[in-house]
Structures are given as C-alpha cells and as structure tokens.
Amino acid sequence: MDNQNDYVWKNVSITLNKQYFYSSPIVPRGPSSLPLSEFRDVQGAAFDAVQSIPRQLVIEVQEGFNGQPGRFSWR
C-alpha cells in the first residue's frame, strides 16, 4: 500500500476478499509493506496466499485529510 497523501492515515482498517482483516492505528506517508499472512479471518486464521488469490481490497481510514474519513476499494 502506498499513502501518497501529505498526511498520516489514522485508525486504518483493511479488508481482503471480504473476509480477512487487518487494522492499524496509523499508516505513515509513503509506501508500506504488509505480508498477506497478517490478514486474519474472524476465527483468527491467516490468509493463505498459496490457497487463495487476493481479489478485493478495501482500505477504510477513520482520520485522513483534516480528520475526515476516507475509503479506497480495489477489485
């Protein structure tokens, strides 16, 4: 993921394939790397990149520019 904005994203939730989740209190400006195994389903199982293909990614930011929420969706 690459935060190309001039501000830090706060309270970030990322959803992968509608069932695997990752959250972070902050995402700094610039590129960030996150292993797919960090994404977990509600039972706590990690995303398995050998068995599954990333098909959809949704990033939700509670506090972005001027403290406003934002959303990005990739399919």
C-alpha atoms as a PDB file:
ATOM      1  CA  MET A   1       0.000   0.000   0.000  1.00  0.00           C
ATOM      2  CA  ASP A   2       1.209   3.485  -0.675  1.00  0.00           C
ATOM      3  CA  ASN A   3      -0.039   6.512   1.238  1.00  0.00           C
ATOM      4  CA  GLN A   4       0.809   9.196  -1.318  1.00  0.00           C
ATOM      5  CA  ASN A   5      -1.087  11.840   0.627  1.00  0.00           C
ATOM      6  CA  ASP A   6       0.595  14.664   2.535  1.00  0.00           C
ATOM      7  CA  TYR A   7      -0.842  13.411   5.814  1.00  0.00           C
ATOM      8  CA  VAL A   8      -0.791  10.328   8.024  1.00  0.00           C
ATOM      9  CA  TRP A   9      -3.765   7.955   7.959  1.00  0.00           C
ATOM     10  CA  LYS A  10      -5.153   7.155  11.414  1.00  0.00           C
ATOM     11  CA  ASN A  11      -7.320   4.242  12.572  1.00  0.00           C
ATOM     12  CA  VAL A  12      -6.995   2.198   9.399  1.00  0.00           C
ATOM     13  CA  SER A  13      -8.937  -0.999   8.635  1.00  0.00           C
ATOM     14  CA  ILE A  14      -8.084  -3.129   5.616  1.00  0.00           C
ATOM     15  CA  THR A  15     -10.334  -5.916   4.361  1.00  0.00           C
ATOM     16  CA  LEU A  16      -9.063  -8.549   1.928  1.00  0.00           C
ATOM     17  CA  ASN A  17     -11.504 -10.686  -0.089  1.00  0.00           C
ATOM     18  CA  LYS A  18     -14.347  -9.574   2.206  1.00  0.00           C
ATOM     19  CA  GLN A  19     -13.279 -11.953   4.987  1.00  0.00           C
ATOM     20  CA  TYR A  20      -9.702 -11.235   6.064  1.00  0.00           C
ATOM     21  CA  PHE A  21      -8.942  -8.180   8.167  1.00  0.00           C
ATOM     22  CA  TYR A  22      -6.050  -6.061   9.327  1.00  0.00           C
ATOM     23  CA  SER A  23      -6.106  -2.867  11.358  1.00  0.00           C
ATOM     24  CA  SER A  24      -3.507  -0.311  12.329  1.00  0.00           C
ATOM     25  CA  PRO A  25      -3.687   2.799  14.484  1.00  0.00           C
ATOM     26  CA  ILE A  26      -1.544   4.667  11.949  1.00  0.00           C
ATOM     27  CA  VAL A  27      -0.207   4.404   8.375  1.00  0.00           C
ATOM     28  CA  PRO A  28       2.633   6.849   7.672  1.00  0.00           C
ATOM     29  CA  ARG A  29       3.140   8.710   4.420  1.00  0.00           C
ATOM     30  CA  GLY A  30       4.866   6.756   1.668  1.00  0.00           C
ATOM     31  CA  PRO A  31       4.960   3.062   0.795  1.00  0.00           C
ATOM     32  CA  SER A  32       4.233   0.377   3.375  1.00  0.00           C
ATOM     33  CA  SER A  33       4.674  -3.350   3.107  1.00  0.00           C
ATOM     34  CA  LEU A  34       2.315  -5.791   4.768  1.00  0.00           C
ATOM     35  CA  PRO A  35       2.597  -9.585   4.427  1.00  0.00           C
ATOM     36  CA  LEU A  36      -0.657 -11.250   3.373  1.00  0.00           C
ATOM     37  CA  SER A  37      -0.290 -13.593   6.350  1.00  0.00           C
ATOM     38  CA  GLU A  38      -1.047 -10.592   8.634  1.00  0.00           C
ATOM     39  CA  PHE A  39      -4.661 -10.640   7.425  1.00  0.00           C
ATOM     40  CA  ARG A  40      -6.888 -12.788   9.663  1.00  0.00           C
ATOM     41  CA  ASP A  41     -10.451 -14.023   9.429  1.00  0.00           C
ATOM     42  CA  VAL A  42     -12.885 -13.819  12.363  1.00  0.00           C
ATOM     43  CA  GLN A  43     -11.631 -17.187  13.683  1.00  0.00           C
ATOM     44  CA  GLY A  44      -8.036 -15.919  13.608  1.00  0.00           C
ATOM     45  CA  ALA A  45      -6.865 -17.962  10.598  1.00  0.00           C
ATOM     46  CA  ALA A  46      -4.304 -16.229   8.408  1.00  0.00           C
ATOM     47  CA  PHE A  47      -4.817 -15.555   4.703  1.00  0.00           C
ATOM     48  CA  ASP A  48      -3.053 -18.350   2.796  1.00  0.00           C
ATOM     49  CA  ALA A  49      -1.524 -16.947  -0.397  1.00  0.00           C
ATOM     50  CA  VAL A  50      -0.838 -20.496  -1.643  1.00  0.00           C
ATOM     51  CA  GLN A  51      -4.520 -21.488  -1.452  1.00  0.00           C
ATOM     52  CA  SER A  52      -6.156 -18.121  -2.197  1.00  0.00           C
ATOM     53  CA  ILE A  53      -5.741 -15.175  -4.541  1.00  0.00           C
ATOM     54  CA  PRO A  54      -6.241 -11.561  -3.426  1.00  0.00           C
ATOM     55  CA  ARG A  55      -9.303 -10.425  -5.379  1.00  0.00           C
ATOM     56  CA  GLN A  56     -10.627  -7.436  -3.474  1.00  0.00           C
ATOM     57  CA  LEU A  57      -9.054  -4.950  -1.086  1.00  0.00           C
ATOM     58  CA  VAL A  58     -10.837  -2.205   0.839  1.00  0.00           C
ATOM     59  CA  ILE A  59      -8.953   0.377   2.894  1.00  0.00           C
ATOM     60  CA  GLU A  60     -11.009   2.436   5.337  1.00  0.00           C
ATOM     61  CA  VAL A  61      -9.413   5.384   7.114  1.00  0.00           C
ATOM     62  CA  GLN A  62     -11.219   6.917  10.087  1.00  0.00           C
ATOM     63  CA  GLU A  63      -8.992  10.013  10.163  1.00  0.00           C
ATOM     64  CA  GLY A  64      -7.388  11.212   6.937  1.00  0.00           C
ATOM     65  CA  PHE A  65      -7.227  14.706   5.466  1.00  0.00           C
ATOM     66  CA  ASN A  66      -8.471  17.285   8.009  1.00  0.00           C
ATOM     67  CA  GLY A  67      -9.528  14.410  10.270  1.00  0.00           C
ATOM     68  CA  GLN A  68     -12.099  13.209   7.731  1.00  0.00           C
ATOM     69  CA  PRO A  69     -12.764   9.522   6.990  1.00  0.00           C
ATOM     70  CA  GLY A  70     -11.920   8.013   3.613  1.00  0.00           C
ATOM     71  CA  ARG A  71     -12.323   4.774   1.689  1.00  0.00           C
ATOM     72  CA  PHE A  72     -10.439   3.094  -1.162  1.00  0.00           C
ATOM     73  CA  SER A  73     -11.621  -0.039  -2.943  1.00  0.00           C
ATOM     74  CA  TRP A  74      -9.626  -2.206  -5.349  1.00  0.00           C
ATOM     75  CA  ARG A  75     -11.069  -5.121  -7.346  1.00  0.00           C
END
